Amino acid sequence: MTNVKNDLFDYDGLQIYQYEDSFKFSLDSILLAEFVDIKPTIKTIVDFCTGNAPVPLILSTKTNAKIYGFEIQFNICNLAKMSVATNKLSEQIEIFNADLKESLEYILPESVDVVTCNPPYFKVNKESLVNENDEKAIARHEIKATFEDIVVTSKYVLKNKGALYIVHRPERLEEIVQVLNKYNFRIKKLQFIYAGFKKEAIMVLIKAVKNGQYGLKVGKPIDVLQYKSYKGIFEGDINETSSRLR
């Protein structure tokens, strides 16, 4: 596989390493990073399923907080480390080639202000059409980590009232709510993403707070067709990118 260095969307000066023909960051990672509420009190951020590190890179333009990224796939983790190094961000961003469930071997429990995650969207069952490319399959399907794994681990690493930010599929929203409530997270903000407002939502952005109070706000919807002129940066066309189809 040949890796290439591309500009990171329209973030001036940021560059990212990707595989030329396969693994590339996607628009959902950009939307997730932009969704995060950055406050001066935030000192530590963890990004699970970091991929080639688009979320940590973008967040570095908005905060001086220490950012840790966890990526289980060795080759993809190397892309992330190269991306961090080429942007001279090694003092702020640290990337670990580790399962998210091993994160407490690297960071202290209840020490993190914010967790972000662009997780695998699809369950694995007999009907699953899993990609033959292992890297894509792991990125898209819950082969190495389930949504519940992500929530449980986030609960362990987050401070009380710490925030978990995720992007996911709307059709799994009912399950997502149930799992978050099970581990005493309260959803504080939702924002739905569309590829044209005449169609159904294709993604949902979620902010949930550990041991938070009830009280939910729904942000204005986002139409990703406004990003279509940038689609050459991403993996596939805008609809494939946004839904990460099999």
Protein backbone atom coordinates (compact mmCIF):
# COMPACT_ATOMS: atom_id res chain seq x y z
CA MET A 1 0.00 0.00 0.00
CA THR A 2 1.26 3.45 -0.93
CA ASN A 3 0.76 6.27 1.53
CA VAL A 4 0.35 9.87 0.47
CA LYS A 5 0.37 13.18 2.30
CA ASN A 6 -2.71 15.35 1.73
CA ASP A 7 -3.96 18.65 3.06
CA LEU A 8 -6.44 18.07 5.87
CA PHE A 9 -9.61 19.49 4.34
CA ASP A 10 -9.47 23.31 4.56
CA TYR A 11 -7.57 23.53 7.86
CA ASP A 12 -4.70 25.78 6.84
CA GLY A 13 -1.33 24.15 7.23
CA LEU A 14 -2.52 20.76 8.49
CA GLN A 15 -1.51 17.68 6.53
CA ILE A 16 -2.45 14.05 6.96
CA TYR A 17 -1.02 10.73 5.75
CA GLN A 18 -3.41 8.31 4.06
CA TYR A 19 -3.30 5.25 1.87
CA GLU A 20 -3.61 6.28 -1.75
CA ASP A 21 -6.13 3.60 -2.71
CA SER A 22 -7.82 2.49 0.49
CA PHE A 23 -7.81 3.99 3.99
CA LYS A 24 -8.72 7.68 4.11
CA PHE A 25 -10.30 9.88 6.73
CA SER A 26 -13.97 10.66 6.24
CA LEU A 27 -16.28 13.62 6.57
CA ASP A 28 -17.84 12.24 9.75
CA SER A 29 -14.49 12.72 11.53
CA ILE A 30 -14.44 16.40 10.56
CA LEU A 31 -18.02 16.88 11.71
CA LEU A 32 -17.24 15.13 15.00
CA ALA A 33 -14.22 17.35 15.68
CA GLU A 34 -16.23 20.48 14.91
CA PHE A 35 -19.04 19.29 17.20
CA VAL A 36 -16.83 19.27 20.31
CA ASP A 37 -17.39 22.14 22.74
CA ILE A 38 -13.92 23.42 23.52
CA LYS A 39 -13.63 25.18 26.89
CA PRO A 40 -10.53 26.66 28.60
CA THR A 41 -10.96 24.16 31.44
CA ILE A 42 -10.34 21.16 29.15
CA LYS A 43 -6.86 19.79 29.85
CA THR A 44 -7.01 16.21 28.54
CA ILE A 45 -8.78 14.69 25.51
CA VAL A 46 -8.85 11.04 24.42
CA ASP A 47 -9.82 9.99 20.90
CA PHE A 48 -10.79 6.32 20.56
CA CYS A 49 -10.71 4.62 17.13
CA THR A 50 -8.47 7.47 16.05
CA GLY A 51 -7.63 6.07 12.59
CA ASN A 52 -5.02 8.26 10.92
CA ALA A 53 -5.74 10.97 13.53
CA PRO A 54 -7.99 13.52 11.78
CA VAL A 55 -9.91 14.30 14.99
CA PRO A 56 -6.82 14.95 17.18
CA LEU A 57 -5.26 17.05 14.42
CA ILE A 58 -8.34 19.23 14.03
CA LEU A 59 -8.83 19.57 17.78
CA SER A 60 -5.23 20.77 18.10
CA THR A 61 -6.25 23.92 16.19
CA LYS A 62 -8.87 24.70 18.85
CA THR A 63 -7.20 23.83 22.16
CA ASN A 64 -3.85 23.44 23.89
CA ALA A 65 -5.13 20.39 25.79
CA LYS A 66 -3.10 17.18 25.74
CA ILE A 67 -4.66 14.76 23.23
CA TYR A 68 -4.25 10.97 23.25
CA GLY A 69 -5.33 8.83 20.30
CA PHE A 70 -5.89 5.07 20.45
CA GLU A 71 -5.80 2.98 17.27
CA ILE A 72 -5.74 -0.82 17.33
CA GLN A 73 -4.54 -1.33 13.73
CA PHE A 74 -0.75 -1.15 13.47
CA ASN A 75 -0.51 0.21 9.92
CA ILE A 76 -3.21 2.82 10.46
CA CYS A 77 -1.61 3.83 13.75
CA ASN A 78 1.64 4.45 11.89
CA LEU A 79 -0.20 6.79 9.52
CA ALA A 80 -1.50 8.66 12.57
CA LYS A 81 1.98 8.96 14.07
CA MET A 82 3.37 10.20 10.76
CA SER A 83 0.58 12.76 10.53
CA VAL A 84 1.27 14.04 14.04
CA ALA A 85 5.00 14.28 13.37
CA THR A 86 4.68 16.06 10.03
CA ASN A 87 2.52 18.72 11.68
CA LYS A 88 5.06 19.10 14.52
CA LEU A 89 2.42 18.26 17.12
CA SER A 90 4.19 15.45 18.97
CA GLU A 91 4.29 17.41 22.23
CA GLN A 92 0.52 17.89 22.21
CA ILE A 93 -0.74 14.69 20.55
CA GLU A 94 0.33 11.17 21.53
CA ILE A 95 -0.83 8.13 19.57
CA PHE A 96 -0.98 4.61 21.02
CA ASN A 97 -1.22 1.39 19.03
CA ALA A 98 -3.58 -0.23 21.51
CA ASP A 99 -7.10 -1.50 21.98
CA LEU A 100 -9.29 1.13 23.61
CA LYS A 101 -9.98 -1.40 26.40
CA GLU A 102 -6.25 -1.19 27.24
CA SER A 103 -6.36 2.60 27.62
CA LEU A 104 -6.07 2.50 31.41
CA GLU A 105 -2.59 1.06 30.94
CA TYR A 106 -1.62 4.44 29.45
CA ILE A 107 -3.76 7.03 31.23
CA LEU A 108 -5.10 7.35 34.75
CA PRO A 109 -8.74 6.50 35.51
CA GLU A 110 -11.12 9.46 35.82
CA SER A 111 -8.45 11.86 34.52
CA VAL A 112 -9.91 12.82 31.14
CA ASP A 113 -12.14 15.83 30.40
CA VAL A 114 -13.37 14.81 26.94
CA VAL A 115 -13.56 11.57 24.95
CA THR A 116 -14.24 11.60 21.22
CA CYS A 117 -14.95 8.57 19.06
CA ASN A 118 -15.83 7.90 15.43
CA PRO A 119 -16.62 4.21 16.00
CA PRO A 120 -17.39 1.22 13.79
CA TYR A 121 -21.03 1.71 12.75
CA PHE A 122 -22.16 -1.80 11.93
CA LYS A 123 -22.83 -4.86 14.06
CA VAL A 124 -21.41 -8.22 13.03
CA ASN A 125 -23.95 -11.00 12.47
CA LYS A 126 -24.79 -13.69 9.93
CA GLU A 127 -26.27 -11.12 7.54
CA SER A 128 -23.31 -8.72 7.71
CA LEU A 129 -21.57 -7.93 4.44
CA VAL A 130 -18.11 -7.47 5.88
CA ASN A 131 -15.48 -5.90 3.63
CA GLU A 132 -12.75 -8.31 2.53
CA ASN A 133 -10.19 -5.62 3.30
CA ASP A 134 -9.39 -6.23 7.00
CA GLU A 135 -8.54 -2.60 7.72
CA LYS A 136 -11.84 -1.37 6.30
CA ALA A 137 -13.76 -4.18 7.97
CA ILE A 138 -12.38 -3.32 11.42
CA ALA A 139 -13.03 0.39 10.87
CA ARG A 140 -16.64 -0.18 9.78
CA HIS A 141 -17.82 -3.22 11.75
CA GLU A 142 -17.81 -4.02 15.46
CA ILE A 143 -15.13 -6.67 15.12
CA LYS A 144 -12.67 -5.38 17.72
CA ALA A 145 -14.95 -3.15 19.80
CA THR A 146 -18.68 -2.71 20.28
CA PHE A 147 -20.48 0.52 21.08
CA GLU A 148 -20.94 -0.72 24.65
CA ASP A 149 -17.16 -1.28 24.92
CA ILE A 150 -16.64 2.35 23.96
CA VAL A 151 -19.11 3.62 26.56
CA VAL A 152 -17.75 1.42 29.36
CA THR A 153 -14.16 2.48 28.67
CA SER A 154 -15.18 6.13 28.42
CA LYS A 155 -16.84 5.87 31.82
CA TYR A 156 -13.60 4.59 33.35
CA VAL A 157 -11.35 7.29 31.88
CA LEU A 158 -13.64 10.33 32.12
CA LYS A 159 -13.83 12.63 35.11
CA ASN A 160 -17.18 13.14 36.77
CA LYS A 161 -19.24 15.35 34.41
CA GLY A 162 -16.76 14.63 31.61
CA ALA A 163 -18.17 14.61 28.07
CA LEU A 164 -18.30 11.83 25.47
CA TYR A 165 -18.70 12.94 21.85
CA ILE A 166 -19.57 10.38 19.18
CA VAL A 167 -20.84 10.24 15.61
CA HIS A 168 -23.04 7.30 14.65
CA ARG A 169 -25.91 6.02 12.51
CA PRO A 170 -29.44 7.30 13.28
CA GLU A 171 -30.94 3.81 12.99
CA ARG A 172 -28.96 2.78 16.06
CA LEU A 173 -30.01 5.79 18.13
CA GLU A 174 -32.47 3.88 20.31
CA GLU A 175 -29.76 1.37 21.26
CA ILE A 176 -27.25 4.17 21.80
CA VAL A 177 -29.57 5.92 24.24
CA GLN A 178 -30.16 2.69 26.15
CA VAL A 179 -26.45 1.93 26.49
CA LEU A 180 -25.58 5.47 27.55
CA ASN A 181 -28.31 5.45 30.20
CA LYS A 182 -27.14 2.03 31.42
CA TYR A 183 -23.76 3.52 32.31
CA ASN A 184 -25.20 6.77 33.69
CA PHE A 185 -24.45 9.03 30.76
CA ARG A 186 -27.02 11.68 29.88
CA ILE A 187 -27.34 12.96 26.33
CA LYS A 188 -27.02 16.74 26.36
CA LYS A 189 -26.89 17.55 22.65
CA LEU A 190 -27.90 15.90 19.36
CA GLN A 191 -27.32 17.11 15.82
CA PHE A 192 -28.52 15.28 12.73
CA ILE A 193 -26.60 15.15 9.45
CA TYR A 194 -28.25 14.93 6.04
CA ALA A 195 -27.18 14.49 2.43
CA GLY A 196 -29.99 16.77 1.27
CA PHE A 197 -32.86 17.73 3.53
CA LYS A 198 -35.41 15.83 1.43
CA LYS A 199 -33.76 12.57 2.52
CA GLU A 200 -33.47 10.78 5.83
CA ALA A 201 -30.66 11.66 8.21
CA ILE A 202 -27.43 9.74 7.50
CA MET A 203 -25.52 10.49 10.72
CA VAL A 204 -26.11 11.79 14.22
CA LEU A 205 -23.67 13.67 16.43
CA ILE A 206 -24.10 13.04 20.16
CA LYS A 207 -22.72 14.72 23.28
CA ALA A 208 -23.27 12.72 26.48
CA VAL A 209 -22.10 13.68 29.97
CA LYS A 210 -20.99 11.20 32.64
CA ASN A 211 -23.34 11.48 35.63
CA GLY A 212 -25.01 14.43 33.93
CA GLN A 213 -28.47 15.82 34.55
CA TYR A 214 -31.39 15.37 32.19
CA GLY A 215 -31.80 18.14 29.63
CA LEU A 216 -31.33 17.65 25.90
CA LYS A 217 -30.79 20.20 23.12
CA VAL A 218 -31.12 19.37 19.42
CA GLY A 219 -28.90 21.48 17.19
CA LYS A 220 -29.85 22.70 13.74
CA PRO A 221 -29.44 20.05 11.01
CA ILE A 222 -26.38 19.97 8.75
CA ASP A 223 -26.55 19.25 5.03
CA VAL A 224 -23.24 17.65 3.97
CA LEU A 225 -23.88 18.41 0.30
CA GLN A 226 -22.24 21.75 1.02
CA TYR A 227 -18.97 19.77 1.29
CA LYS A 228 -19.34 18.09 -2.08
CA SER A 229 -16.68 20.21 -3.78
CA TYR A 230 -14.14 18.63 -1.39
CA LYS A 231 -15.15 15.04 -1.98
CA GLY A 232 -11.87 14.17 -3.72
CA ILE A 233 -10.19 14.30 -0.34
CA PHE A 234 -12.42 11.61 1.10
CA GLU A 235 -12.93 7.92 0.58
CA GLY A 236 -15.62 7.54 -2.10
CA ASP A 237 -18.37 9.97 -2.95
CA ILE A 238 -20.20 12.00 -0.34
CA ASN A 239 -22.94 9.42 0.26
CA GLU A 240 -20.52 6.51 0.61
CA THR A 241 -18.29 8.55 2.88
CA SER A 242 -21.08 9.76 5.09
CA SER A 243 -22.66 6.36 5.60
CA ARG A 244 -19.44 4.29 5.36
CA LEU A 245 -21.23 1.64 3.39
CA ARG A 246 -19.84 -1.88 3.33
